[in-house]
Amino acid sequence: MKKSEAVEITTFKLKGYSCEQFIAANNEIDEFLKRQPGFISRRIFQKTDRTIVDMLIWDSVKNGTKSMHRLMDELSESGVHDMIDQSTVEWNINQVEHQLV
């Protein structure tokens, strides 16, 4: 298989907000992501321990990493960041090694 995708996974806890409130506040972020080179898709879900998982699919680690830095610069004032307990954030992006569709 040609290695042609990367998965970005960010996990965190919210500061007293529900997952639904967080998703509703993400319109600006979603619009930003749709304009980024290499963006494929985004999924947000909540685990049973209330950890939020924000998963993005990119065409490459390079494009995903550049977009993450761009988002932090261009949307640094977004209220979404204030909803997140920043001490709980874990971020990683990795090349897909196997895919079955």
C-alpha atoms as a PDB file:
ATOM      1  CA  MET A   1       0.000   0.000   0.000  1.00  0.00           C
ATOM      2  CA  LYS A   2       1.208   3.461  -0.814  1.00  0.00           C
ATOM      3  CA  LYS A   3       1.488   5.481   2.392  1.00  0.00           C
ATOM      4  CA  SER A   4      -0.792   8.320   1.494  1.00  0.00           C
ATOM      5  CA  GLU A   5      -2.626   9.318   4.656  1.00  0.00           C
ATOM      6  CA  ALA A   6      -1.914  10.509   8.167  1.00  0.00           C
ATOM      7  CA  VAL A   7      -4.092  10.389  11.270  1.00  0.00           C
ATOM      8  CA  GLU A   8      -4.011  13.253  13.762  1.00  0.00           C
ATOM      9  CA  ILE A   9      -5.447  12.468  17.179  1.00  0.00           C
ATOM     10  CA  THR A  10      -5.888  15.043  19.916  1.00  0.00           C
ATOM     11  CA  THR A  11      -7.374  14.052  23.265  1.00  0.00           C
ATOM     12  CA  PHE A  12      -8.421  16.343  26.110  1.00  0.00           C
ATOM     13  CA  LYS A  13     -10.980  17.063  28.809  1.00  0.00           C
ATOM     14  CA  LEU A  14     -13.391  19.977  28.707  1.00  0.00           C
ATOM     15  CA  LYS A  15     -13.702  22.624  31.433  1.00  0.00           C
ATOM     16  CA  GLY A  16     -17.331  22.076  32.451  1.00  0.00           C
ATOM     17  CA  TYR A  17     -18.758  21.967  28.919  1.00  0.00           C
ATOM     18  CA  SER A  18     -20.565  19.109  27.222  1.00  0.00           C
ATOM     19  CA  CYS A  19     -19.324  17.427  24.077  1.00  0.00           C
ATOM     20  CA  GLU A  20     -22.362  18.856  22.274  1.00  0.00           C
ATOM     21  CA  GLN A  21     -21.461  22.410  23.354  1.00  0.00           C
ATOM     22  CA  PHE A  22     -17.886  21.870  22.209  1.00  0.00           C
ATOM     23  CA  ILE A  23     -18.971  20.595  18.798  1.00  0.00           C
ATOM     24  CA  ALA A  24     -21.387  23.523  18.371  1.00  0.00           C
ATOM     25  CA  ALA A  25     -18.532  25.956  19.102  1.00  0.00           C
ATOM     26  CA  ASN A  26     -16.329  24.400  16.406  1.00  0.00           C
ATOM     27  CA  ASN A  27     -17.950  25.948  13.304  1.00  0.00           C
ATOM     28  CA  GLU A  28     -15.046  28.353  12.837  1.00  0.00           C
ATOM     29  CA  ILE A  29     -12.495  25.542  13.240  1.00  0.00           C
ATOM     30  CA  ASP A  30     -14.397  23.276  10.821  1.00  0.00           C
ATOM     31  CA  GLU A  31     -14.484  26.011   8.167  1.00  0.00           C
ATOM     32  CA  PHE A  32     -10.760  26.626   8.648  1.00  0.00           C
ATOM     33  CA  LEU A  33      -9.965  22.903   8.309  1.00  0.00           C
ATOM     34  CA  LYS A  34     -11.970  22.540   5.094  1.00  0.00           C
ATOM     35  CA  ARG A  35      -9.709  25.170   3.478  1.00  0.00           C
ATOM     36  CA  GLN A  36      -6.446  23.482   4.461  1.00  0.00           C
ATOM     37  CA  PRO A  37      -4.295  21.643   1.922  1.00  0.00           C
ATOM     38  CA  GLY A  38      -4.513  17.894   2.408  1.00  0.00           C
ATOM     39  CA  PHE A  39      -7.507  17.867   4.761  1.00  0.00           C
ATOM     40  CA  ILE A  40      -9.689  14.775   4.285  1.00  0.00           C
ATOM     41  CA  SER A  41     -12.024  14.432   7.276  1.00  0.00           C
ATOM     42  CA  ARG A  42     -12.668  15.089  10.962  1.00  0.00           C
ATOM     43  CA  ARG A  43     -14.373  13.042  13.673  1.00  0.00           C
ATOM     44  CA  ILE A  44     -15.073  14.126  17.272  1.00  0.00           C
ATOM     45  CA  PHE A  45     -16.302  11.746  19.943  1.00  0.00           C
ATOM     46  CA  GLN A  46     -16.355  11.363  23.697  1.00  0.00           C
ATOM     47  CA  LYS A  47     -15.044   8.322  25.556  1.00  0.00           C
ATOM     48  CA  THR A  48     -16.796   6.930  28.623  1.00  0.00           C
ATOM     49  CA  ASP A  49     -14.322   8.760  30.904  1.00  0.00           C
ATOM     50  CA  ARG A  50     -15.464  12.063  29.272  1.00  0.00           C
ATOM     51  CA  THR A  51     -12.200  12.438  27.321  1.00  0.00           C
ATOM     52  CA  ILE A  52     -12.827  14.123  23.974  1.00  0.00           C
ATOM     53  CA  VAL A  53     -11.130  12.588  20.952  1.00  0.00           C
ATOM     54  CA  ASP A  54     -10.660  14.866  17.940  1.00  0.00           C
ATOM     55  CA  MET A  55      -9.458  12.786  14.981  1.00  0.00           C
ATOM     56  CA  LEU A  56      -8.448  14.254  11.638  1.00  0.00           C
ATOM     57  CA  ILE A  57      -7.387  12.494   8.469  1.00  0.00           C
ATOM     58  CA  TRP A  58      -4.810  14.238   6.287  1.00  0.00           C
ATOM     59  CA  ASP A  59      -3.111  13.331   3.050  1.00  0.00           C
ATOM     60  CA  SER A  60       0.282  13.562   4.812  1.00  0.00           C
ATOM     61  CA  VAL A  61       1.935  14.210   8.170  1.00  0.00           C
ATOM     62  CA  LYS A  62       3.500  17.330   6.646  1.00  0.00           C
ATOM     63  CA  ASN A  63       0.178  18.940   5.669  1.00  0.00           C
ATOM     64  CA  GLY A  64      -1.475  18.006   8.968  1.00  0.00           C
ATOM     65  CA  THR A  65       1.373  19.432  11.029  1.00  0.00           C
ATOM     66  CA  LYS A  66       1.526  22.663   9.022  1.00  0.00           C
ATOM     67  CA  SER A  67      -2.225  23.130   9.383  1.00  0.00           C
ATOM     68  CA  MET A  68      -2.097  22.557  13.142  1.00  0.00           C
ATOM     69  CA  HIS A  69       0.517  25.318  13.493  1.00  0.00           C
ATOM     70  CA  ARG A  70      -1.496  27.583  11.189  1.00  0.00           C
ATOM     71  CA  LEU A  71      -4.659  26.977  13.231  1.00  0.00           C
ATOM     72  CA  MET A  72      -2.902  27.823  16.500  1.00  0.00           C
ATOM     73  CA  ASP A  73      -1.629  31.082  14.955  1.00  0.00           C
ATOM     74  CA  GLU A  74      -4.681  32.215  12.984  1.00  0.00           C
ATOM     75  CA  LEU A  75      -7.381  31.072  15.420  1.00  0.00           C
ATOM     76  CA  SER A  76      -5.538  31.601  18.700  1.00  0.00           C
ATOM     77  CA  GLU A  77      -8.384  33.831  19.945  1.00  0.00           C
ATOM     78  CA  SER A  78     -11.095  31.224  19.260  1.00  0.00           C
ATOM     79  CA  GLY A  79     -13.313  30.519  22.263  1.00  0.00           C
ATOM     80  CA  VAL A  80     -12.917  26.805  21.574  1.00  0.00           C
ATOM     81  CA  HIS A  81      -9.467  26.896  23.184  1.00  0.00           C
ATOM     82  CA  ASP A  82     -10.964  28.269  26.415  1.00  0.00           C
ATOM     83  CA  MET A  83     -13.353  25.314  26.623  1.00  0.00           C
ATOM     84  CA  ILE A  84     -10.435  22.858  26.811  1.00  0.00           C
ATOM     85  CA  ASP A  85      -8.495  21.997  29.961  1.00  0.00           C
ATOM     86  CA  GLN A  86      -5.114  22.640  28.330  1.00  0.00           C
ATOM     87  CA  SER A  87      -3.269  20.566  30.973  1.00  0.00           C
ATOM     88  CA  THR A  88      -4.996  17.444  29.589  1.00  0.00           C
ATOM     89  CA  VAL A  89      -4.192  17.920  25.892  1.00  0.00           C
ATOM     90  CA  GLU A  90      -2.293  15.176  24.076  1.00  0.00           C
ATOM     91  CA  TRP A  91      -1.609  15.621  20.355  1.00  0.00           C
ATOM     92  CA  ASN A  92       0.020  13.323  17.816  1.00  0.00           C
ATOM     93  CA  ILE A  93       0.025  12.741  14.096  1.00  0.00           C
ATOM     94  CA  ASN A  94       1.244   9.585  12.405  1.00  0.00           C
ATOM     95  CA  GLN A  95       1.506   8.106   8.964  1.00  0.00           C
ATOM     96  CA  VAL A  96      -1.044   5.376   8.209  1.00  0.00           C
ATOM     97  CA  GLU A  97       0.740   2.039   7.834  1.00  0.00           C
ATOM     98  CA  HIS A  98      -2.244  -0.113   6.870  1.00  0.00           C
ATOM     99  CA  GLN A  99      -5.700   0.652   5.586  1.00  0.00           C
ATOM    100  CA  LEU A 100      -8.660  -1.570   4.784  1.00  0.00           C
ATOM    101  CA  VAL A 101     -11.690  -0.067   3.069  1.00  0.00           C
END
